Amino acid sequence: MTNFPFTAVLGQDELKQCLLLSAVDPGIGGVLALGDRGTGKTTTVRALGALLSRSGLPAPVVDLPLGATEDRVVGALDIQAALAEGERRFAPGLLAEAHGGFLYVDEINLLDDYLVDLLLDVAASGVNRVERDGISHTHPARFVLIGSGNPEEGDLRPQLEDRFGLSTTVSTIADQQVRARIIRARLAYDTNPEEFLDRYAPQEQALGEAVADARRRLESVALPDDLLDRVVRLCVAAKAMGHRAELVLARAARAHASLRGADRADTTDLRAVALAALRHRIPRTPYETPSDVDARLADLL
């Protein structure tokens, strides 16, 4: 079955922007999407992968099941080859399958911390090194890690949150008109997926071409010194922990500028990405809601 069109996803604008920015610059460091169940997170991720593939940017979307073993994730000895041929051969895992695309982990807050650390390390280095069962194997594993989950079912350690480039809160839509549009779109898609996809084909093609163009010209987009100074001042004022915040904020602003076709990033781009780059990196009290954190950051912009 065809995937739901990315441009037809309604009400999750920040999640869509975070995914697009990561598609333009995978070096941003992935996306963490926390919030309510049934809000279209998986649909949106798969839709982006399909959009990029149709635009000549192959981007497999690989799911990592919650109960996946380390062998299934990183790869292991090919038992069949060992038994049938007596050879020690490497059997690739999910990290190899996700190379060049997206690795999606639903309920990442319930995944074993060791596996989350492993995923983040490989995503950052772009290389998977396996030394076990008498095998020493290295292969490229460049992918964008997308994690989602419901905070009510368990928290993700702050140290792990910080390793994700961008973070977004995905909430149930309150606007009744938007909710009705979402249901109508889904029913139309379920009734005739091909016809629904054809309806959105022009928007899908235009966005796919924009992402491909933004990726090609990314390195030529300027980051003025005064904007970098503002990035640093903002991170200091927000009391962002560590220095990853500045790097992610600068890269995200440049990717945003490239996506809108600009030759240089400016304060418009900085404002557009600041919340997603910083909200999971600033001190929070136990009683603060995501909206409270966003309001504090907005006051600094």
C-alpha atoms as a PDB file:
ATOM      1  CA  MET A   1       0.000   0.000   0.000  1.00  0.00           C
ATOM      2  CA  THR A   2       1.190   3.527  -0.750  1.00  0.00           C
ATOM      3  CA  ASN A   3       2.210   5.734   2.150  1.00  0.00           C
ATOM      4  CA  PHE A   4       0.047   8.615   3.335  1.00  0.00           C
ATOM      5  CA  PRO A   5       1.306  11.857   1.692  1.00  0.00           C
ATOM      6  CA  PHE A   6       3.592  13.949   3.871  1.00  0.00           C
ATOM      7  CA  THR A   7       1.959  17.171   2.683  1.00  0.00           C
ATOM      8  CA  ALA A   8      -1.460  15.832   3.722  1.00  0.00           C
ATOM      9  CA  VAL A   9      -0.461  15.432   7.382  1.00  0.00           C
ATOM     10  CA  LEU A  10      -2.310  18.090   9.372  1.00  0.00           C
ATOM     11  CA  GLY A  11      -1.730  19.683  12.758  1.00  0.00           C
ATOM     12  CA  GLN A  12       1.848  18.519  13.369  1.00  0.00           C
ATOM     13  CA  ASP A  13       3.760  21.360  11.775  1.00  0.00           C
ATOM     14  CA  GLU A  14       6.739  21.352  14.139  1.00  0.00           C
ATOM     15  CA  LEU A  15       7.259  17.596  13.846  1.00  0.00           C
ATOM     16  CA  LYS A  16       7.178  17.922  10.063  1.00  0.00           C
ATOM     17  CA  GLN A  17       9.657  20.799  10.160  1.00  0.00           C
ATOM     18  CA  CYS A  18      12.043  18.859  12.409  1.00  0.00           C
ATOM     19  CA  LEU A  19      11.953  15.887  10.046  1.00  0.00           C
ATOM     20  CA  LEU A  20      12.527  18.083   6.998  1.00  0.00           C
ATOM     21  CA  LEU A  21      15.481  19.835   8.625  1.00  0.00           C
ATOM     22  CA  SER A  22      17.006  16.460   9.491  1.00  0.00           C
ATOM     23  CA  ALA A  23      16.511  15.349   5.892  1.00  0.00           C
ATOM     24  CA  VAL A  24      18.335  18.460   4.670  1.00  0.00           C
ATOM     25  CA  ASP A  25      21.161  18.082   7.210  1.00  0.00           C
ATOM     26  CA  PRO A  26      21.333  14.632   8.859  1.00  0.00           C
ATOM     27  CA  GLY A  27      24.201  16.013  10.959  1.00  0.00           C
ATOM     28  CA  ILE A  28      21.666  17.873  13.092  1.00  0.00           C
ATOM     29  CA  GLY A  29      21.385  14.695  15.100  1.00  0.00           C
ATOM     30  CA  GLY A  30      17.920  13.212  14.799  1.00  0.00           C
ATOM     31  CA  VAL A  31      14.509  14.003  16.233  1.00  0.00           C
ATOM     32  CA  LEU A  32      12.839  13.166  19.537  1.00  0.00           C
ATOM     33  CA  ALA A  33       9.035  13.369  19.399  1.00  0.00           C
ATOM     34  CA  LEU A  34       7.299  12.946  22.744  1.00  0.00           C
ATOM     35  CA  GLY A  35       3.577  13.165  23.319  1.00  0.00           C
ATOM     36  CA  ASP A  36       0.209  11.535  22.970  1.00  0.00           C
ATOM     37  CA  ARG A  37      -0.430   8.240  21.245  1.00  0.00           C
ATOM     38  CA  GLY A  38      -2.338   8.176  17.985  1.00  0.00           C
ATOM     39  CA  THR A  39      -1.200  11.596  16.798  1.00  0.00           C
ATOM     40  CA  GLY A  40       0.365  10.510  13.515  1.00  0.00           C
ATOM     41  CA  LYS A  41       4.037  10.297  14.474  1.00  0.00           C
ATOM     42  CA  THR A  42       4.700   7.010  12.681  1.00  0.00           C
ATOM     43  CA  THR A  43       2.573   8.034   9.695  1.00  0.00           C
ATOM     44  CA  THR A  44       4.521  11.287   9.343  1.00  0.00           C
ATOM     45  CA  VAL A  45       7.938   9.605   9.495  1.00  0.00           C
ATOM     46  CA  ARG A  46       6.972   7.000   6.892  1.00  0.00           C
ATOM     47  CA  ALA A  47       5.433   9.686   4.702  1.00  0.00           C
ATOM     48  CA  LEU A  48       8.691  11.638   4.628  1.00  0.00           C
ATOM     49  CA  GLY A  49      10.660   8.546   3.657  1.00  0.00           C
ATOM     50  CA  ALA A  50       8.290   7.915   0.750  1.00  0.00           C
ATOM     51  CA  LEU A  51       8.417  11.561  -0.346  1.00  0.00           C
ATOM     52  CA  LEU A  52      12.217  11.566  -0.419  1.00  0.00           C
ATOM     53  CA  SER A  53      12.370   8.269  -2.304  1.00  0.00           C
ATOM     54  CA  ARG A  54      10.032   9.593  -4.988  1.00  0.00           C
ATOM     55  CA  SER A  55      12.338  12.616  -5.314  1.00  0.00           C
ATOM     56  CA  GLY A  56      15.403  10.516  -6.025  1.00  0.00           C
ATOM     57  CA  LEU A  57      16.677  10.595  -2.441  1.00  0.00           C
ATOM     58  CA  PRO A  58      16.410   6.974  -1.276  1.00  0.00           C
ATOM     59  CA  ALA A  59      15.492   7.084   2.395  1.00  0.00           C
ATOM     60  CA  PRO A  60      14.444   3.744   3.894  1.00  0.00           C
ATOM     61  CA  VAL A  61      12.423   3.953   7.095  1.00  0.00           C
ATOM     62  CA  VAL A  62      13.375   1.052   9.352  1.00  0.00           C
ATOM     63  CA  ASP A  63      11.399   0.273  12.511  1.00  0.00           C
ATOM     64  CA  LEU A  64      13.249  -0.902  15.591  1.00  0.00           C
ATOM     65  CA  PRO A  65      10.845  -3.027  17.678  1.00  0.00           C
ATOM     66  CA  LEU A  66      10.821  -2.455  21.420  1.00  0.00           C
ATOM     67  CA  GLY A  67      11.858  -6.048  22.104  1.00  0.00           C
ATOM     68  CA  ALA A  68      14.705  -6.145  19.569  1.00  0.00           C
ATOM     69  CA  THR A  69      17.875  -7.873  20.747  1.00  0.00           C
ATOM     70  CA  GLU A  70      21.349  -6.405  20.391  1.00  0.00           C
ATOM     71  CA  ASP A  71      22.128  -9.026  17.716  1.00  0.00           C
ATOM     72  CA  ARG A  72      19.119  -7.925  15.668  1.00  0.00           C
ATOM     73  CA  VAL A  73      20.122  -4.276  15.991  1.00  0.00           C
ATOM     74  CA  VAL A  74      23.868  -4.334  15.298  1.00  0.00           C
ATOM     75  CA  GLY A  75      24.187  -7.631  13.433  1.00  0.00           C
ATOM     76  CA  ALA A  76      25.746 -10.928  14.420  1.00  0.00           C
ATOM     77  CA  LEU A  77      27.186 -14.217  13.226  1.00  0.00           C
ATOM     78  CA  ASP A  78      25.233 -15.745  10.341  1.00  0.00           C
ATOM     79  CA  ILE A  79      24.288 -19.027  11.984  1.00  0.00           C
ATOM     80  CA  GLN A  80      23.009 -20.646   8.780  1.00  0.00           C
ATOM     81  CA  ALA A  81      26.273 -19.954   6.958  1.00  0.00           C
ATOM     82  CA  ALA A  82      28.239 -21.234   9.925  1.00  0.00           C
ATOM     83  CA  LEU A  83      26.276 -24.493  10.059  1.00  0.00           C
ATOM     84  CA  ALA A  84      25.966 -25.084   6.314  1.00  0.00           C
ATOM     85  CA  GLU A  85      29.359 -23.910   5.118  1.00  0.00           C
ATOM     86  CA  GLY A  86      31.475 -23.733   8.246  1.00  0.00           C
ATOM     87  CA  GLU A  87      32.194 -20.055   7.581  1.00  0.00           C
ATOM     88  CA  ARG A  88      32.090 -17.143   9.981  1.00  0.00           C
ATOM     89  CA  ARG A  89      30.001 -14.608   8.105  1.00  0.00           C
ATOM     90  CA  PHE A  90      28.420 -11.368   9.283  1.00  0.00           C
ATOM     91  CA  ALA A  91      24.619 -11.078   9.152  1.00  0.00           C
ATOM     92  CA  PRO A  92      23.682  -7.370   8.966  1.00  0.00           C
ATOM     93  CA  GLY A  93      21.221  -5.945  11.467  1.00  0.00           C
ATOM     94  CA  LEU A  94      18.765  -3.069  11.544  1.00  0.00           C
ATOM     95  CA  LEU A  95      21.550  -0.473  11.587  1.00  0.00           C
ATOM     96  CA  ALA A  96      22.757  -1.670   8.192  1.00  0.00           C
ATOM     97  CA  GLU A  97      19.195  -1.659   6.829  1.00  0.00           C
ATOM     98  CA  ALA A  98      18.704   1.957   7.955  1.00  0.00           C
ATOM     99  CA  HIS A  99      21.867   3.218   6.226  1.00  0.00           C
ATOM    100  CA  GLY A 100      21.027   6.303   4.193  1.00  0.00           C
ATOM    101  CA  GLY A 101      17.582   6.696   5.723  1.00  0.00           C
ATOM    102  CA  PHE A 102      15.734   6.809   9.013  1.00  0.00           C
ATOM    103  CA  LEU A 103      15.768   4.475  12.006  1.00  0.00           C
ATOM    104  CA  TYR A 104      12.470   4.877  13.832  1.00  0.00           C
ATOM    105  CA  VAL A 105      12.080   3.781  17.457  1.00  0.00           C
ATOM    106  CA  ASP A 106       8.583   4.029  18.894  1.00  0.00           C
ATOM    107  CA  GLU A 107       8.368   4.095  22.698  1.00  0.00           C
ATOM    108  CA  ILE A 108      12.072   4.874  22.859  1.00  0.00           C
ATOM    109  CA  ASN A 109      11.576   5.909  26.485  1.00  0.00           C
ATOM    110  CA  LEU A 110      10.874   2.234  27.262  1.00  0.00           C
ATOM    111  CA  LEU A 111      13.902   0.915  25.357  1.00  0.00           C
ATOM    112  CA  ASP A 112      16.862  -0.328  27.365  1.00  0.00           C
ATOM    113  CA  ASP A 113      19.247   2.565  28.072  1.00  0.00           C
ATOM    114  CA  TYR A 114      22.178   0.536  26.763  1.00  0.00           C
ATOM    115  CA  LEU A 115      20.523   0.142  23.358  1.00  0.00           C
ATOM    116  CA  VAL A 116      19.574   3.828  23.246  1.00  0.00           C
ATOM    117  CA  ASP A 117      23.207   4.746  23.963  1.00  0.00           C
ATOM    118  CA  LEU A 118      24.354   2.359  21.243  1.00  0.00           C
ATOM    119  CA  LEU A 119      21.940   3.822  18.687  1.00  0.00           C
ATOM    120  CA  LEU A 120      22.980   7.374  19.482  1.00  0.00           C
ATOM    121  CA  ASP A 121      26.687   6.520  19.287  1.00  0.00           C
ATOM    122  CA  VAL A 122      26.333   4.890  15.871  1.00  0.00           C
ATOM    123  CA  ALA A 123      24.066   7.675  14.598  1.00  0.00           C
ATOM    124  CA  ALA A 124      26.684  10.242  15.633  1.00  0.00           C
ATOM    125  CA  SER A 125      29.672   8.395  14.142  1.00  0.00           C
ATOM    126  CA  GLY A 126      27.991   6.978  11.047  1.00  0.00           C
ATOM    127  CA  VAL A 127      29.845   3.697  11.552  1.00  0.00           C
ATOM    128  CA  ASN A 128      28.791   0.430  13.171  1.00  0.00           C
ATOM    129  CA  ARG A 129      31.623  -1.670  14.619  1.00  0.00           C
ATOM    130  CA  VAL A 130      30.823  -5.213  15.656  1.00  0.00           C
ATOM    131  CA  GLU A 131      33.292  -7.424  17.504  1.00  0.00           C
ATOM    132  CA  ARG A 132      31.615 -10.516  18.889  1.00  0.00           C
ATOM    133  CA  ASP A 133      31.222 -14.253  18.260  1.00  0.00           C
ATOM    134  CA  GLY A 134      34.668 -14.301  16.670  1.00  0.00           C
ATOM    135  CA  ILE A 135      33.647 -11.649  14.134  1.00  0.00           C
ATOM    136  CA  SER A 136      35.227  -8.244  13.614  1.00  0.00           C
ATOM    137  CA  HIS A 137      33.182  -6.221  11.158  1.00  0.00           C
ATOM    138  CA  THR A 138      32.737  -2.541  10.337  1.00  0.00           C
ATOM    139  CA  HIS A 139      30.173  -1.029   8.010  1.00  0.00           C
ATOM    140  CA  PRO A 140      28.745   2.440   7.322  1.00  0.00           C
ATOM    141  CA  ALA A 141      25.532   3.237   9.189  1.00  0.00           C
ATOM    142  CA  ARG A 142      24.579   6.815   8.443  1.00  0.00           C
ATOM    143  CA  PHE A 143      20.969   7.362   9.389  1.00  0.00           C
ATOM    144  CA  VAL A 144      18.681   9.847  11.100  1.00  0.00           C
ATOM    145  CA  LEU A 145      17.470   8.487  14.431  1.00  0.00           C
ATOM    146  CA  ILE A 146      13.822   9.283  15.143  1.00  0.00           C
ATOM    147  CA  GLY A 147      12.549   8.449  18.621  1.00  0.00           C
ATOM    148  CA  SER A 148       8.999   8.801  19.862  1.00  0.00           C
ATOM    149  CA  GLY A 149       7.194   8.005  23.064  1.00  0.00           C
ATOM    150  CA  ASN A 150       4.615   8.954  25.655  1.00  0.00           C
ATOM    151  CA  PRO A 151       6.230  10.594  28.729  1.00  0.00           C
ATOM    152  CA  GLU A 152       3.396   9.290  30.914  1.00  0.00           C
ATOM    153  CA  GLU A 153       4.740   5.767  30.350  1.00  0.00           C
ATOM    154  CA  GLY A 154       8.310   6.568  31.378  1.00  0.00           C
ATOM    155  CA  ASP A 155      10.923   9.286  31.105  1.00  0.00           C
ATOM    156  CA  LEU A 156      14.007   9.370  28.933  1.00  0.00           C
ATOM    157  CA  ARG A 157      17.154  10.260  30.840  1.00  0.00           C
ATOM    158  CA  PRO A 158      18.221  13.920  30.311  1.00  0.00           C
ATOM    159  CA  GLN A 159      21.636  12.705  29.144  1.00  0.00           C
ATOM    160  CA  LEU A 160      19.937  10.771  26.345  1.00  0.00           C
ATOM    161  CA  GLU A 161      17.513  13.574  25.479  1.00  0.00           C
ATOM    162  CA  ASP A 162      20.468  15.900  24.923  1.00  0.00           C
ATOM    163  CA  ARG A 163      21.936  13.519  22.347  1.00  0.00           C
ATOM    164  CA  PHE A 164      18.983  14.144  20.027  1.00  0.00           C
ATOM    165  CA  GLY A 165      19.396  17.190  17.832  1.00  0.00           C
ATOM    166  CA  LEU A 166      15.795  18.368  17.847  1.00  0.00           C
ATOM    167  CA  SER A 167      12.871  17.709  20.156  1.00  0.00           C
ATOM    168  CA  THR A 168       9.175  18.295  19.635  1.00  0.00           C
ATOM    169  CA  THR A 169       6.039  17.772  21.689  1.00  0.00           C
ATOM    170  CA  VAL A 170       3.277  16.056  19.740  1.00  0.00           C
ATOM    171  CA  SER A 171      -0.157  16.761  21.205  1.00  0.00           C
ATOM    172  CA  THR A 172      -3.704  15.775  20.392  1.00  0.00           C
ATOM    173  CA  ILE A 173      -5.268  18.495  18.259  1.00  0.00           C
ATOM    174  CA  ALA A 174      -7.845  20.546  20.179  1.00  0.00           C
ATOM    175  CA  ASP A 175      -9.276  22.494  17.235  1.00  0.00           C
ATOM    176  CA  GLN A 176     -12.469  20.726  16.178  1.00  0.00           C
ATOM    177  CA  GLN A 177     -12.281  21.896  12.561  1.00  0.00           C
ATOM    178  CA  VAL A 178      -8.727  20.598  12.171  1.00  0.00           C
ATOM    179  CA  ARG A 179      -9.714  17.292  13.785  1.00  0.00           C
ATOM    180  CA  ALA A 180     -12.577  16.949  11.320  1.00  0.00           C
ATOM    181  CA  ARG A 181     -10.210  17.635   8.402  1.00  0.00           C
ATOM    182  CA  ILE A 182      -7.811  14.984   9.717  1.00  0.00           C
ATOM    183  CA  ILE A 183     -10.574  12.374   9.868  1.00  0.00           C
ATOM    184  CA  ARG A 184     -11.899  13.270   6.420  1.00  0.00           C
ATOM    185  CA  ALA A 185      -8.403  12.991   4.943  1.00  0.00           C
ATOM    186  CA  ARG A 186      -7.780   9.635   6.591  1.00  0.00           C
ATOM    187  CA  LEU A 187     -11.115   8.213   5.453  1.00  0.00           C
ATOM    188  CA  ALA A 188     -10.470   9.402   1.899  1.00  0.00           C
ATOM    189  CA  TYR A 189      -7.028   7.779   1.948  1.00  0.00           C
ATOM    190  CA  ASP A 190      -8.368   4.488   3.311  1.00  0.00           C
ATOM    191  CA  THR A 191     -11.112   4.432   0.651  1.00  0.00           C
ATOM    192  CA  ASN A 192      -8.807   5.001  -2.329  1.00  0.00           C
ATOM    193  CA  PRO A 193      -5.103   5.426  -1.501  1.00  0.00           C
ATOM    194  CA  GLU A 194      -3.979   5.860  -5.120  1.00  0.00           C
ATOM    195  CA  GLU A 195      -6.515   8.580  -5.862  1.00  0.00           C
ATOM    196  CA  PHE A 196      -5.651  10.361  -2.609  1.00  0.00           C
ATOM    197  CA  LEU A 197      -1.936  10.253  -3.408  1.00  0.00           C
ATOM    198  CA  ASP A 198      -2.573  11.575  -6.921  1.00  0.00           C
ATOM    199  CA  ARG A 199      -4.419  14.531  -5.419  1.00  0.00           C
ATOM    200  CA  TYR A 200      -1.336  15.500  -3.425  1.00  0.00           C
ATOM    201  CA  ALA A 201       1.233  14.567  -6.076  1.00  0.00           C
ATOM    202  CA  PRO A 202       2.031  18.173  -7.118  1.00  0.00           C
ATOM    203  CA  GLN A 203       2.659  19.272  -3.513  1.00  0.00           C
ATOM    204  CA  GLU A 204       4.701  16.148  -2.826  1.00  0.00           C
ATOM    205  CA  GLN A 205       6.855  16.691  -5.907  1.00  0.00           C
ATOM    206  CA  ALA A 206       7.431  20.363  -5.106  1.00  0.00           C
ATOM    207  CA  LEU A 207       8.434  19.650  -1.508  1.00  0.00           C
ATOM    208  CA  GLY A 208      10.654  16.734  -2.491  1.00  0.00           C
ATOM    209  CA  GLU A 209      12.473  18.903  -5.022  1.00  0.00           C
ATOM    210  CA  ALA A 210      12.857  21.653  -2.414  1.00  0.00           C
ATOM    211  CA  VAL A 211      14.458  19.220   0.044  1.00  0.00           C
ATOM    212  CA  ALA A 212      16.796  17.821  -2.614  1.00  0.00           C
ATOM    213  CA  ASP A 213      17.816  21.337  -3.651  1.00  0.00           C
ATOM    214  CA  ALA A 214      18.287  22.425  -0.027  1.00  0.00           C
ATOM    215  CA  ARG A 215      20.528  19.435   0.638  1.00  0.00           C
ATOM    216  CA  ARG A 216      22.682  20.194  -2.427  1.00  0.00           C
ATOM    217  CA  ARG A 217      23.209  23.850  -1.550  1.00  0.00           C
ATOM    218  CA  LEU A 218      23.452  23.494   2.233  1.00  0.00           C
ATOM    219  CA  GLU A 219      27.212  23.989   2.496  1.00  0.00           C
ATOM    220  CA  SER A 220      27.016  27.233   0.532  1.00  0.00           C
ATOM    221  CA  VAL A 221      24.526  28.837   2.939  1.00  0.00           C
ATOM    222  CA  ALA A 222      26.351  31.424   5.050  1.00  0.00           C
ATOM    223  CA  LEU A 223      26.192  31.655   8.844  1.00  0.00           C
ATOM    224  CA  PRO A 224      27.038  35.299   9.633  1.00  0.00           C
ATOM    225  CA  ASP A 225      29.190  35.984  12.689  1.00  0.00           C
ATOM    226  CA  ASP A 226      26.531  38.178  14.266  1.00  0.00           C
ATOM    227  CA  LEU A 227      24.027  35.323  14.014  1.00  0.00           C
ATOM    228  CA  LEU A 228      26.476  32.897  15.625  1.00  0.00           C
ATOM    229  CA  ASP A 229      27.000  35.423  18.413  1.00  0.00           C
ATOM    230  CA  ARG A 230      23.241  35.528  18.912  1.00  0.00           C
ATOM    231  CA  VAL A 231      23.117  31.722  18.990  1.00  0.00           C
ATOM    232  CA  VAL A 232      25.666  31.681  21.809  1.00  0.00           C
ATOM    233  CA  ARG A 233      23.905  34.452  23.748  1.00  0.00           C
ATOM    234  CA  LEU A 234      20.594  32.629  23.470  1.00  0.00           C
ATOM    235  CA  CYS A 235      22.058  29.353  24.719  1.00  0.00           C
ATOM    236  CA  VAL A 236      23.726  31.111  27.656  1.00  0.00           C
ATOM    237  CA  ALA A 237      20.540  32.999  28.542  1.00  0.00           C
ATOM    238  CA  ALA A 238      18.521  29.781  28.382  1.00  0.00           C
ATOM    239  CA  LYS A 239      21.122  28.030  30.593  1.00  0.00           C
ATOM    240  CA  ALA A 240      21.433  25.256  28.038  1.00  0.00           C
ATOM    241  CA  MET A 241      23.511  22.390  29.391  1.00  0.00           C
ATOM    242  CA  GLY A 242      26.692  21.608  27.465  1.00  0.00           C
ATOM    243  CA  HIS A 243      27.801  22.998  24.120  1.00  0.00           C
ATOM    244  CA  ARG A 244      25.818  20.717  21.834  1.00  0.00           C
ATOM    245  CA  ALA A 245      22.996  23.268  21.913  1.00  0.00           C
ATOM    246  CA  GLU A 246      24.966  25.905  19.992  1.00  0.00           C
ATOM    247  CA  LEU A 247      26.033  23.451  17.307  1.00  0.00           C
ATOM    248  CA  VAL A 248      22.547  22.046  16.773  1.00  0.00           C
ATOM    249  CA  LEU A 249      20.968  25.503  16.780  1.00  0.00           C
ATOM    250  CA  ALA A 250      23.442  26.791  14.193  1.00  0.00           C
ATOM    251  CA  ARG A 251      23.060  23.748  11.926  1.00  0.00           C
ATOM    252  CA  ALA A 252      19.269  23.796  12.182  1.00  0.00           C
ATOM    253  CA  ALA A 253      19.121  27.519  11.372  1.00  0.00           C
ATOM    254  CA  ARG A 254      21.308  26.979   8.306  1.00  0.00           C
ATOM    255  CA  ALA A 255      19.195  24.013   7.165  1.00  0.00           C
ATOM    256  CA  HIS A 256      16.058  26.117   7.598  1.00  0.00           C
ATOM    257  CA  ALA A 257      17.579  28.908   5.518  1.00  0.00           C
ATOM    258  CA  SER A 258      18.588  26.457   2.804  1.00  0.00           C
ATOM    259  CA  LEU A 259      15.112  24.928   2.747  1.00  0.00           C
ATOM    260  CA  ARG A 260      13.503  28.318   2.182  1.00  0.00           C
ATOM    261  CA  GLY A 261      15.994  29.072  -0.598  1.00  0.00           C
ATOM    262  CA  ALA A 262      18.055  31.730   1.192  1.00  0.00           C
ATOM    263  CA  ASP A 263      21.795  32.260   0.704  1.00  0.00           C
ATOM    264  CA  ARG A 264      22.413  33.101   4.369  1.00  0.00           C
ATOM    265  CA  ALA A 265      20.758  32.286   7.668  1.00  0.00           C
ATOM    266  CA  ASP A 266      19.237  35.097   9.703  1.00  0.00           C
ATOM    267  CA  THR A 267      17.144  35.690  12.822  1.00  0.00           C
ATOM    268  CA  THR A 268      14.048  34.397  11.028  1.00  0.00           C
ATOM    269  CA  ASP A 269      15.678  30.984  10.786  1.00  0.00           C
ATOM    270  CA  LEU A 270      16.957  31.131  14.351  1.00  0.00           C
ATOM    271  CA  ARG A 271      13.499  31.858  15.730  1.00  0.00           C
ATOM    272  CA  ALA A 272      11.966  29.089  13.637  1.00  0.00           C
ATOM    273  CA  VAL A 273      14.194  26.355  15.103  1.00  0.00           C
ATOM    274  CA  ALA A 274      15.102  27.611  18.590  1.00  0.00           C
ATOM    275  CA  LEU A 275      12.377  25.838  20.564  1.00  0.00           C
ATOM    276  CA  ALA A 276      13.034  22.463  18.936  1.00  0.00           C
ATOM    277  CA  ALA A 277      16.793  22.782  19.471  1.00  0.00           C
ATOM    278  CA  LEU A 278      16.695  23.972  23.083  1.00  0.00           C
ATOM    279  CA  ARG A 279      13.579  22.788  24.932  1.00  0.00           C
ATOM    280  CA  HIS A 280      15.152  19.462  25.942  1.00  0.00           C
ATOM    281  CA  ARG A 281      18.460  21.047  26.940  1.00  0.00           C
ATOM    282  CA  ILE A 282      17.436  23.599  29.551  1.00  0.00           C
ATOM    283  CA  PRO A 283      16.807  23.089  33.282  1.00  0.00           C
ATOM    284  CA  ARG A 284      13.205  22.187  34.094  1.00  0.00           C
ATOM    285  CA  THR A 285      11.315  21.905  37.352  1.00  0.00           C
ATOM    286  CA  PRO A 286       9.179  18.809  38.047  1.00  0.00           C
ATOM    287  CA  TYR A 287       6.038  20.930  37.836  1.00  0.00           C
ATOM    288  CA  GLU A 288       6.709  22.606  34.487  1.00  0.00           C
ATOM    289  CA  THR A 289       4.656  21.531  31.494  1.00  0.00           C
ATOM    290  CA  PRO A 290       6.092  21.522  27.959  1.00  0.00           C
ATOM    291  CA  SER A 291       4.102  24.703  27.335  1.00  0.00           C
ATOM    292  CA  ASP A 292       5.748  26.371  30.342  1.00  0.00           C
ATOM    293  CA  VAL A 293       9.213  25.502  29.021  1.00  0.00           C
ATOM    294  CA  ASP A 294       8.356  26.818  25.567  1.00  0.00           C
ATOM    295  CA  ALA A 295       7.011  30.046  27.062  1.00  0.00           C
ATOM    296  CA  ARG A 296      10.274  30.614  28.948  1.00  0.00           C
ATOM    297  CA  LEU A 297      12.278  30.120  25.767  1.00  0.00           C
ATOM    298  CA  ALA A 298       9.955  32.307  23.725  1.00  0.00           C
ATOM    299  CA  ASP A 299      10.571  35.173  26.152  1.00  0.00           C
ATOM    300  CA  LEU A 300      14.288  34.993  25.297  1.00  0.00           C
ATOM    301  CA  LEU A 301      13.834  35.183  21.530  1.00  0.00           C
END
